Structure formats: structure tokens, C-alpha cells
N, C-alpha and C. Protein backbone atom coordinates (compact mmCIF):
# COMPACT_ATOMS: atom_id res chain seq x y z
N MET A 1 1.25 -1.34 0.02
CA MET A 1 -0.05 0.02 -0.05
C MET A 1 0.76 1.19 0.21
N ASN A 2 0.68 2.16 -1.01
CA ASN A 2 1.11 3.33 -1.04
C ASN A 2 1.22 4.45 -0.17
N LEU A 3 1.51 5.35 -0.01
CA LEU A 3 0.89 6.96 0.52
C LEU A 3 -0.28 7.26 0.47
N GLU A 4 -0.54 7.48 -0.92
CA GLU A 4 -1.52 8.00 -1.06
C GLU A 4 -2.88 7.11 -0.64
N GLU A 5 -2.44 5.75 -0.77
CA GLU A 5 -3.59 4.59 -0.77
C GLU A 5 -4.03 4.52 0.68
N PHE A 6 -2.95 4.61 1.53
CA PHE A 6 -2.71 5.00 2.78
C PHE A 6 -3.43 5.55 3.55
N ASN A 7 -3.46 7.35 3.31
CA ASN A 7 -3.96 8.43 3.16
C ASN A 7 -6.13 8.53 3.38
N ARG A 8 -5.79 7.60 1.99
CA ARG A 8 -7.46 7.30 1.36
C ARG A 8 -7.85 6.89 2.71
N ALA A 9 -7.36 5.50 3.17
CA ALA A 9 -7.91 4.41 3.87
C ALA A 9 -8.08 5.10 5.42
N VAL A 10 -7.07 5.87 6.09
CA VAL A 10 -7.15 5.96 7.10
C VAL A 10 -7.30 7.20 7.46
N PHE A 11 -6.90 8.32 6.61
CA PHE A 11 -7.30 10.17 7.62
C PHE A 11 -8.76 10.31 7.88
N PRO A 12 -9.65 9.04 6.45
CA PRO A 12 -11.02 9.83 6.97
C PRO A 12 -11.64 9.63 8.43
N MET A 13 -10.53 8.69 9.11
CA MET A 13 -11.40 7.98 10.64
C MET A 13 -10.60 9.00 11.48
N GLN A 14 -9.87 10.01 10.98
CA GLN A 14 -8.76 10.46 12.26
C GLN A 14 -9.59 11.38 13.16
N ASN A 15 -10.85 11.90 12.59
CA ASN A 15 -11.74 12.76 13.63
C ASN A 15 -12.60 11.91 14.66
N LYS A 16 -12.88 10.99 14.18
CA LYS A 16 -13.77 9.82 15.08
C LYS A 16 -12.72 9.13 15.92
N LEU A 17 -11.36 8.74 15.84
CA LEU A 17 -10.52 8.34 16.30
C LEU A 17 -9.98 9.27 17.47
N TYR A 18 -9.90 10.36 16.89
CA TYR A 18 -9.56 11.40 17.88
C TYR A 18 -10.70 11.79 19.41
N ARG A 19 -11.97 11.66 18.94
CA ARG A 19 -13.29 11.90 19.76
C ARG A 19 -13.26 10.76 20.69
N PHE A 20 -13.06 9.55 20.06
CA PHE A 20 -12.77 8.44 20.92
C PHE A 20 -12.17 8.54 21.96
N ALA A 21 -10.43 8.69 21.64
CA ALA A 21 -9.95 8.85 22.70
C ALA A 21 -10.18 9.66 23.48
N LEU A 22 -10.20 11.19 22.84
CA LEU A 22 -10.35 12.13 24.01
C LEU A 22 -11.43 11.50 24.82
N SER A 23 -12.69 10.84 24.59
CA SER A 23 -13.70 10.75 25.78
C SER A 23 -13.38 9.40 26.68
N MET A 24 -12.11 8.38 26.12
CA MET A 24 -11.27 7.71 27.29
C MET A 24 -10.47 8.44 27.94
N VAL A 25 -9.50 9.47 27.65
CA VAL A 25 -8.48 9.82 28.49
C VAL A 25 -8.66 11.03 28.88
N ALA A 26 -9.59 12.10 28.30
CA ALA A 26 -9.79 13.64 28.98
C ALA A 26 -8.89 14.10 28.90
N ASN A 27 -8.06 14.09 27.83
CA ASN A 27 -7.01 15.33 27.60
C ASN A 27 -6.76 15.14 25.95
N ASN A 28 -6.73 16.62 25.78
CA ASN A 28 -6.89 17.04 24.09
C ASN A 28 -5.03 16.25 23.91
N GLU A 29 -4.30 16.83 24.62
CA GLU A 29 -3.23 16.28 23.90
C GLU A 29 -2.51 14.87 23.78
N LEU A 30 -2.86 14.41 24.38
CA LEU A 30 -3.41 12.65 25.03
C LEU A 30 -3.88 12.14 23.48
N ALA A 31 -5.01 12.39 23.69
CA ALA A 31 -5.70 12.11 22.61
C ALA A 31 -5.47 11.97 21.28
N GLU A 32 -4.64 13.25 21.09
CA GLU A 32 -3.79 13.70 19.92
C GLU A 32 -2.43 12.69 19.72
N ASP A 33 -1.74 12.33 20.64
CA ASP A 33 -0.94 11.37 20.44
C ASP A 33 -1.24 9.97 20.40
N ILE A 34 -2.22 9.61 20.85
CA ILE A 34 -2.64 8.13 20.97
C ILE A 34 -3.19 8.08 19.63
N VAL A 35 -3.97 9.21 18.83
CA VAL A 35 -4.27 8.71 17.42
C VAL A 35 -2.97 8.72 16.65
N GLN A 36 -2.29 9.57 17.14
CA GLN A 36 -0.96 9.45 16.18
C GLN A 36 0.07 8.36 16.70
N GLU A 37 -0.19 7.70 17.45
CA GLU A 37 0.49 6.43 17.72
C GLU A 37 -0.52 5.45 16.88
N ALA A 38 -1.22 5.41 17.07
CA ALA A 38 -2.39 4.58 16.00
C ALA A 38 -2.16 4.15 14.88
N PHE A 39 -1.86 5.73 14.24
CA PHE A 39 -1.70 5.86 12.75
C PHE A 39 -0.14 5.30 12.29
N LEU A 40 0.72 5.61 13.02
CA LEU A 40 2.39 4.93 12.79
C LEU A 40 2.04 3.46 13.03
N LYS A 41 1.36 2.56 13.81
CA LYS A 41 1.22 1.60 13.84
C LYS A 41 0.47 0.93 12.83
N LEU A 42 -0.52 2.06 12.09
CA LEU A 42 -1.38 1.45 10.94
C LEU A 42 -0.25 1.45 9.75
N TRP A 43 0.65 2.46 9.77
CA TRP A 43 1.85 2.69 8.61
C TRP A 43 2.75 1.59 8.73
N LYS A 44 3.12 1.05 10.13
CA LYS A 44 3.79 -0.11 10.07
C LYS A 44 3.45 -1.22 9.32
N THR A 45 2.01 -1.31 9.38
CA THR A 45 1.36 -2.89 9.04
C THR A 45 0.72 -2.72 7.98
N ARG A 46 1.14 -1.33 7.12
CA ARG A 46 0.39 -1.23 5.99
C ARG A 46 -0.17 -2.33 5.08
N GLU A 47 1.03 -3.16 4.72
CA GLU A 47 1.17 -3.79 3.75
C GLU A 47 0.00 -4.98 3.90
N SER A 48 -0.16 -5.32 5.27
CA SER A 48 -1.62 -6.24 5.47
C SER A 48 -2.34 -5.66 5.70
N LEU A 49 -3.03 -4.49 5.75
CA LEU A 49 -4.21 -3.68 6.23
C LEU A 49 -5.39 -4.28 5.07
N HIS A 50 -4.98 -4.43 3.86
CA HIS A 50 -5.93 -4.84 3.00
C HIS A 50 -6.55 -6.32 3.33
N GLU A 51 -5.69 -6.97 4.33
CA GLU A 51 -6.33 -8.10 5.36
C GLU A 51 -7.93 -7.80 5.76
N ILE A 52 -7.81 -6.47 6.70
CA ILE A 52 -8.61 -6.52 7.60
C ILE A 52 -9.97 -6.33 6.82
N LEU A 53 -11.13 -6.83 7.60
CA LEU A 53 -12.64 -6.63 6.89
C LEU A 53 -12.82 -5.15 7.42
N ASN A 54 -12.81 -4.79 8.90
CA ASN A 54 -13.32 -3.43 8.73
C ASN A 54 -12.16 -2.71 9.45
N LEU A 55 -11.81 -1.80 8.60
CA LEU A 55 -10.25 -1.27 9.08
C LEU A 55 -10.70 -0.23 10.21
N GLU A 56 -11.93 0.68 10.24
CA GLU A 56 -12.40 1.53 11.11
C GLU A 56 -12.54 0.78 12.40
N ALA A 57 -13.46 0.00 12.61
CA ALA A 57 -13.54 -0.93 13.33
C ALA A 57 -12.38 -1.56 14.01
N TRP A 58 -11.13 -1.64 13.90
CA TRP A 58 -9.70 -2.63 13.83
C TRP A 58 -9.08 -1.32 14.56
N SER A 59 -9.14 0.13 14.29
CA SER A 59 -8.46 1.14 14.15
C SER A 59 -9.41 1.95 15.59
N MET A 60 -10.48 1.49 15.50
CA MET A 60 -11.04 1.61 17.08
C MET A 60 -10.62 1.13 18.22
N ARG A 61 -10.55 -0.33 18.15
CA ARG A 61 -10.31 -1.33 18.91
C ARG A 61 -8.54 -0.95 19.46
N MET A 62 -8.02 -0.64 18.20
CA MET A 62 -6.09 -0.20 18.63
C MET A 62 -6.09 0.98 19.53
N VAL A 63 -7.11 2.16 19.14
CA VAL A 63 -7.01 3.23 19.98
C VAL A 63 -7.32 3.07 21.43
N LYS A 64 -8.60 2.15 21.33
CA LYS A 64 -9.13 1.71 22.94
C LYS A 64 -7.87 0.96 23.31
N ASN A 65 -7.62 0.33 22.93
CA ASN A 65 -6.41 -0.56 23.55
C ASN A 65 -5.49 0.35 23.82
N LEU A 66 -4.75 1.61 23.11
CA LEU A 66 -3.76 2.55 23.84
C LEU A 66 -4.01 3.12 24.65
N CYS A 67 -5.32 3.47 24.70
CA CYS A 67 -5.98 4.49 26.04
C CYS A 67 -5.92 3.64 26.97
N LEU A 68 -6.51 2.23 26.93
CA LEU A 68 -6.26 1.00 28.21
C LEU A 68 -4.86 1.04 28.09
N ASP A 69 -3.73 1.25 27.53
CA ASP A 69 -2.22 0.80 27.75
C ASP A 69 -1.93 1.92 29.01
N HIS A 70 -2.43 3.25 28.49
CA HIS A 70 -2.12 4.88 29.04
C HIS A 70 -2.81 4.24 30.69
N PHE A 71 -3.47 4.39 30.73
CA PHE A 71 -4.26 4.01 32.43
C PHE A 71 -3.38 2.98 32.85
N LYS A 72 -3.13 2.59 32.23
CA LYS A 72 -2.18 1.18 33.29
C LYS A 72 -0.97 1.58 33.70
N SER A 73 -0.73 2.67 32.65
CA SER A 73 1.19 3.56 33.08
C SER A 73 1.20 4.20 34.59
N LYS A 74 2.10 3.85 34.92
CA LYS A 74 2.35 4.48 36.37
C LYS A 74 2.59 5.28 36.43
N TYR A 75 2.11 6.73 35.07
CA TYR A 75 2.41 7.90 35.06
C TYR A 75 1.28 8.69 34.52
N ARG A 76 -0.04 7.96 34.64
CA ARG A 76 -1.03 8.68 34.40
C ARG A 76 -1.76 9.90 35.26
N LYS A 77 -1.98 10.54 34.70
CA LYS A 77 -2.07 11.71 35.80
C LYS A 77 -3.94 11.90 35.30
N THR A 78 -4.85 12.15 36.30
CA THR A 78 -6.31 12.40 35.76
C THR A 78 -6.71 13.89 35.77
N MET A 79 -7.47 14.12 34.57
CA MET A 79 -7.78 15.05 34.65
C MET A 79 -9.82 15.10 34.03
N LEU A 80 -10.04 16.28 34.19
CA LEU A 80 -11.44 16.60 33.87
C LEU A 80 -11.61 16.30 32.12
N PHE A 81 -12.63 15.80 31.80
CA PHE A 81 -13.08 15.82 30.75
C PHE A 81 -13.65 17.03 30.32
N GLU A 82 -13.31 17.87 29.42
CA GLU A 82 -13.42 18.92 28.61
C GLU A 82 -13.53 19.17 27.30
N THR A 83 -14.94 19.37 26.82
CA THR A 83 -15.33 19.38 25.56
C THR A 83 -15.71 20.88 25.35
N LYS A 84 -15.35 21.26 23.86
CA LYS A 84 -16.23 22.48 23.34
C LYS A 84 -17.46 21.86 22.35
N TYR A 85 -18.37 22.27 22.33
CA TYR A 85 -18.98 21.82 21.45
C TYR A 85 -19.91 23.11 20.57
N GLU A 86 -19.96 22.64 19.40
CA GLU A 86 -20.18 23.57 17.96
C GLU A 86 -21.53 23.97 18.05
N GLN A 87 -21.89 24.90 17.86
CA GLN A 87 -22.95 25.43 17.28
C GLN A 87 -23.50 24.36 16.40
N ALA A 88 -24.86 24.48 16.98
CA ALA A 88 -25.84 23.33 15.70
C ALA A 88 -26.36 23.90 14.93
N SER A 89 -26.90 25.58 15.13
CA SER A 89 -27.28 25.92 13.86
C SER A 89 -26.93 27.35 14.19
N VAL A 90 -27.17 28.33 12.86
CA VAL A 90 -26.71 29.67 12.91
C VAL A 90 -27.98 30.41 13.60
N GLU A 91 -29.03 30.14 13.71
CA GLU A 91 -30.38 30.08 14.22
C GLU A 91 -30.69 29.73 16.22
N VAL A 92 -29.42 29.27 16.39
CA VAL A 92 -29.68 28.79 17.72
C VAL A 92 -29.39 30.28 18.76
N THR A 93 -30.32 30.64 19.90
CA THR A 93 -29.90 31.72 20.42
C THR A 93 -28.89 31.44 21.67
N PRO A 94 -28.24 32.36 21.55
CA PRO A 94 -27.25 32.31 22.82
C PRO A 94 -27.81 31.35 24.10
N GLN A 95 -29.15 31.81 24.38
CA GLN A 95 -29.66 31.08 25.43
C GLN A 95 -29.80 29.91 25.63
N LYS A 96 -30.36 29.42 24.37
CA LYS A 96 -30.68 27.98 23.83
C LYS A 96 -28.91 27.68 23.77
N GLN A 97 -28.35 28.01 23.39
CA GLN A 97 -27.00 27.58 23.14
C GLN A 97 -26.08 27.10 24.85
N THR A 98 -26.38 27.91 25.45
CA THR A 98 -25.72 27.90 26.74
C THR A 98 -26.76 26.69 27.53
N GLU A 99 -27.97 26.20 27.38
CA GLU A 99 -28.93 25.36 27.74
C GLU A 99 -28.12 24.08 27.46
N ILE A 100 -27.77 24.03 25.61
CA ILE A 100 -27.45 22.37 25.17
C ILE A 100 -26.26 22.39 25.88
N THR A 101 -25.05 23.60 25.51
CA THR A 101 -23.64 23.12 26.44
C THR A 101 -23.73 22.62 27.81
N ASP A 102 -24.60 23.45 28.66
CA ASP A 102 -25.12 22.89 30.20
C ASP A 102 -25.62 21.70 30.76
N THR A 103 -26.40 21.29 29.34
CA THR A 103 -26.93 19.66 29.17
C THR A 103 -26.03 18.91 29.06
N MET A 104 -24.84 18.82 28.05
CA MET A 104 -24.20 18.48 27.59
C MET A 104 -23.04 17.95 28.47
N GLN A 105 -22.45 19.29 29.31
CA GLN A 105 -21.80 19.22 30.43
C GLN A 105 -22.35 18.26 31.73
N GLN A 106 -23.64 18.33 31.84
CA GLN A 106 -23.92 17.36 33.09
C GLN A 106 -23.68 15.96 32.39
N ILE A 107 -24.34 15.61 31.09
CA ILE A 107 -24.32 13.92 30.32
C ILE A 107 -22.93 13.57 30.48
N ASN A 108 -21.79 14.64 30.32
CA ASN A 108 -20.57 14.01 30.67
C ASN A 108 -20.05 13.58 31.31
N LEU A 109 -20.67 14.52 32.83
CA LEU A 109 -20.06 14.27 34.25
C LEU A 109 -21.26 13.01 34.55
N ILE A 110 -22.43 12.74 34.53
CA ILE A 110 -23.22 11.77 34.47
C ILE A 110 -22.54 10.41 34.12
N LEU A 111 -21.57 10.59 32.75
CA LEU A 111 -21.65 9.42 32.08
C LEU A 111 -19.49 9.12 32.82
N GLU A 112 -18.90 9.80 33.86
CA GLU A 112 -17.72 9.73 34.07
C GLU A 112 -18.69 8.78 35.45
N THR A 113 -19.45 8.73 35.69
CA THR A 113 -19.89 7.80 36.98
C THR A 113 -20.54 6.64 36.67
N LEU A 114 -20.60 6.36 35.47
CA LEU A 114 -21.21 5.21 34.89
C LEU A 114 -20.05 3.97 34.87
N PRO A 115 -20.25 2.75 34.76
CA PRO A 115 -19.25 1.80 34.18
C PRO A 115 -18.50 2.21 33.17
N ASN A 116 -17.45 1.86 33.15
CA ASN A 116 -16.51 2.26 31.79
C ASN A 116 -17.52 1.50 30.57
N GLN A 117 -17.43 0.53 30.66
CA GLN A 117 -17.65 -0.17 29.54
C GLN A 117 -19.53 0.86 28.87
N GLN A 118 -20.43 0.73 29.85
CA GLN A 118 -21.47 1.52 29.65
C GLN A 118 -20.88 3.12 29.07
N ALA A 119 -20.21 3.67 29.79
CA ALA A 119 -19.96 5.26 28.83
C ALA A 119 -19.21 4.76 27.59
N GLN A 120 -18.34 4.02 27.69
CA GLN A 120 -18.09 3.58 26.08
C GLN A 120 -18.81 3.49 25.12
N ILE A 121 -20.03 2.81 25.35
CA ILE A 121 -21.24 2.00 24.75
C ILE A 121 -21.62 3.47 24.60
N ILE A 122 -22.22 4.24 25.32
CA ILE A 122 -23.34 5.14 24.69
C ILE A 122 -22.30 6.52 24.02
N ARG A 123 -21.58 6.85 24.35
CA ARG A 123 -20.52 7.51 23.45
C ARG A 123 -20.32 7.00 21.92
N LEU A 124 -19.71 5.59 21.67
CA LEU A 124 -19.93 5.51 20.70
C LEU A 124 -21.05 5.38 19.90
N ARG A 125 -22.39 4.46 20.52
CA ARG A 125 -23.37 4.82 19.76
C ARG A 125 -24.54 6.11 19.54
N ASP A 126 -24.24 7.12 20.55
CA ASP A 126 -24.97 8.15 20.43
C ASP A 126 -24.24 9.55 20.21
N MET A 127 -22.80 9.31 20.42
CA MET A 127 -22.22 10.39 19.97
C MET A 127 -21.47 10.33 18.64
N GLU A 128 -21.15 9.17 18.35
CA GLU A 128 -20.19 8.90 17.21
C GLU A 128 -21.43 8.23 15.96
N GLY A 129 -22.49 7.73 16.59
CA GLY A 129 -23.36 7.34 15.54
C GLY A 129 -22.79 5.62 15.00
N TYR A 130 -22.01 5.11 15.51
CA TYR A 130 -21.57 3.52 15.45
C TYR A 130 -23.04 2.69 15.78
N SER A 131 -22.91 1.49 14.83
CA SER A 131 -24.25 0.65 14.64
C SER A 131 -23.52 -0.32 16.20
N TYR A 132 -24.20 -0.98 16.34
CA TYR A 132 -24.37 -2.39 17.49
C TYR A 132 -23.39 -2.82 17.08
N LYS A 133 -23.29 -3.71 16.07
CA LYS A 133 -22.20 -4.54 15.33
C LYS A 133 -20.70 -4.08 15.51
N GLU A 134 -20.78 -2.53 14.97
CA GLU A 134 -19.57 -2.10 14.79
C GLU A 134 -19.05 -1.76 16.76
N ILE A 135 -20.29 -1.49 17.66
CA ILE A 135 -19.63 -1.56 18.54
C ILE A 135 -18.96 -2.55 19.16
N ALA A 136 -19.52 -3.40 19.31
CA ALA A 136 -19.26 -4.92 19.49
C ALA A 136 -18.24 -5.44 19.00
N GLU A 137 -17.59 -4.97 17.77
CA GLU A 137 -16.30 -5.03 17.13
C GLU A 137 -14.98 -4.41 18.04
N VAL A 138 -15.47 -3.08 18.16
CA VAL A 138 -14.76 -2.21 18.67
C VAL A 138 -14.12 -2.49 20.06
N LEU A 139 -15.25 -2.75 20.93
CA LEU A 139 -14.87 -3.41 22.49
C LEU A 139 -14.60 -4.93 22.78
N GLU A 140 -14.97 -5.92 21.79
CA GLU A 140 -14.61 -7.10 21.31
C GLU A 140 -15.69 -7.53 22.60
N ILE A 141 -16.79 -7.18 22.44
CA ILE A 141 -17.85 -8.06 23.32
C ILE A 141 -19.17 -8.15 22.47
N ASP A 142 -19.97 -8.81 22.97
CA ASP A 142 -21.22 -9.73 22.45
C ASP A 142 -22.14 -8.53 22.24
N ILE A 143 -22.59 -8.70 20.73
CA ILE A 143 -24.09 -7.63 20.49
C ILE A 143 -24.91 -7.55 21.25
N ASN A 144 -25.28 -8.31 22.09
CA ASN A 144 -26.59 -8.51 22.97
C ASN A 144 -25.58 -7.73 24.22
N VAL A 145 -24.64 -7.77 24.82
CA VAL A 145 -23.85 -7.14 25.61
C VAL A 145 -24.13 -5.55 25.61
N VAL A 146 -23.67 -5.12 24.09
CA VAL A 146 -24.30 -4.20 23.90
C VAL A 146 -25.19 -3.52 24.23
N LYS A 147 -26.16 -4.18 23.33
CA LYS A 147 -27.72 -3.58 23.80
C LYS A 147 -27.98 -3.54 24.91
N VAL A 148 -27.84 -4.63 25.82
CA VAL A 148 -27.99 -4.27 27.22
C VAL A 148 -27.38 -3.15 28.02
N ASN A 149 -26.12 -2.61 27.91
CA ASN A 149 -25.34 -1.79 28.47
C ASN A 149 -25.84 -0.61 28.14
N LEU A 150 -26.35 -0.40 26.39
CA LEU A 150 -26.46 0.74 26.47
C LEU A 150 -27.83 1.22 26.79
N HIS A 151 -28.76 0.29 26.84
CA HIS A 151 -30.44 0.39 27.52
C HIS A 151 -30.15 1.16 28.87
N ARG A 152 -29.02 0.24 29.54
CA ARG A 152 -28.82 0.72 31.21
C ARG A 152 -28.13 1.92 31.26
N ALA A 153 -27.10 2.43 30.20
CA ALA A 153 -26.46 3.61 30.29
C ALA A 153 -27.71 4.89 30.16
N ARG A 154 -28.63 4.74 28.70
CA ARG A 154 -29.18 5.41 28.64
C ARG A 154 -29.97 5.73 29.86
N LYS A 155 -30.37 4.51 30.60
CA LYS A 155 -31.63 4.91 31.83
C LYS A 155 -30.94 5.19 32.82
N ALA A 156 -29.47 5.19 33.02
CA ALA A 156 -28.97 6.04 34.42
C ALA A 156 -29.00 7.47 34.09
N VAL A 157 -28.38 8.02 32.54
CA VAL A 157 -28.51 9.17 32.37
C VAL A 157 -29.85 10.00 32.45
N LYS A 158 -30.93 9.29 32.10
CA LYS A 158 -32.07 10.08 32.30
C LYS A 158 -32.85 10.29 33.57
N VAL A 159 -32.49 9.28 34.56
CA VAL A 159 -32.54 9.08 35.80
C VAL A 159 -31.98 10.15 36.17
N ALA A 160 -30.56 10.72 36.25
CA ALA A 160 -29.84 11.17 36.53
C ALA A 160 -30.24 12.74 36.27
N LEU A 161 -30.64 12.88 34.53
CA LEU A 161 -31.12 14.16 34.48
C LEU A 161 -32.28 14.52 34.81
N GLU A 162 -32.88 13.97 34.96
CA GLU A 162 -34.64 13.96 35.51
C GLU A 162 -34.18 14.50 37.36
N LYS A 163 -33.12 13.69 37.72
CA LYS A 163 -32.95 14.12 39.11
C LYS A 163 -32.44 15.64 38.98
N LYS A 164 -31.79 15.74 39.02
CA LYS A 164 -31.10 17.23 38.46
C LYS A 164 -32.01 18.54 38.50
N GLU A 165 -33.10 18.10 37.56
CA GLU A 165 -34.15 19.16 36.84
C GLU A 165 -34.98 19.06 37.94
N SER A 166 -35.43 17.79 38.34
CA SER A 166 -36.57 18.45 39.32
C SER A 166 -36.00 18.79 40.94
N TYR A 167 -34.94 18.62 41.33
CA TYR A 167 -34.09 19.36 42.23
C TYR A 167 -34.03 20.96 42.20
N GLY A 168 -34.33 21.16 41.14
CA GLY A 168 -33.80 22.76 41.16
C GLY A 168 -35.51 23.46 41.38
N LEU A 169 -36.75 22.61 41.38
CA LEU A 169 -37.91 23.01 41.64
C LEU A 169 -38.20 23.15 43.29
């Protein structure tokens, strides 16, 4: 595989891989480093990439494993997950945008309290748009486990948000 073919195959996934890494490590620079390391590994194995049936799922699994390796490292530093949300529409008022941003921040805080697998599944499904099958491949779990954990995660987020909303009344 030459450089041009490699770029066509790998670089369209760059943003998804970055967002996934960022959701796991909660650090912009570290997420960039992990994605770069994944690309280096892909480049080193470029001759055998044609054998992989789903390159995106395989790449996501690689990023997941690199993130887990980071957590296993003795030099791990914990940081809060910070995300900037783009304005969804030009017609969204500043007040509505603030409400959306606040809600997303609350959801991210709730996701941090969930079991790791549930948080990963809800991020992959609801934020990245992956199918159940793709999530099962990325996380190396059964598709039924994906469905059950997604249901539980969504329910936990809903209950927590309702609790926060009713608390203010």
C-alpha cells in the first residue's frame, strides 16, 4: 500500500478516532498522541491492511487498547473531561446554546459515574453514531451485551438528568 492509498483509507477516520480517544483519556494532547501512535502502527502494518475486513472498527479497537495501556501506566494523570461543543445552527440563540452546553456538560459528568463499558458504549452509539455490530467489534464484546449496556446507560443518564431537573424546583 502506497502513501496515497494509505491516506485515503486511514485519514477519514482521524476525527472519530480522536473523539473516541478524547472520551477515554479526557486530555486533548494525550488523545492526539494516542491517535498519532495508532496511525504509526497502521503505517508500519500497511502491507497487511487489505486483510482487515473493517479497518475503522479495527482502528477504534487499537485506539481503545492504547488508551487502556495509558491507564495502566504508572505515570497516568487524571484530568477532567473538557469538550467544546460547536453551535448546532446559526439560528440557535445564545441562551439555547448555553442550555445545550450545560446539558452536555451534565451528561459528560454523569457518564463519568457510569461503569466504563457503559460510558464507552453510549459515546460510541449516541455521540459517534456507530452501529451495534461496530461497537461490538470495537469493544470485543457480544452484540447483546452492547444492547443491554446501552439501555442501562441511557436509563441511568435519563434518571440522573431528571433528578437534577426536579431538584431545582
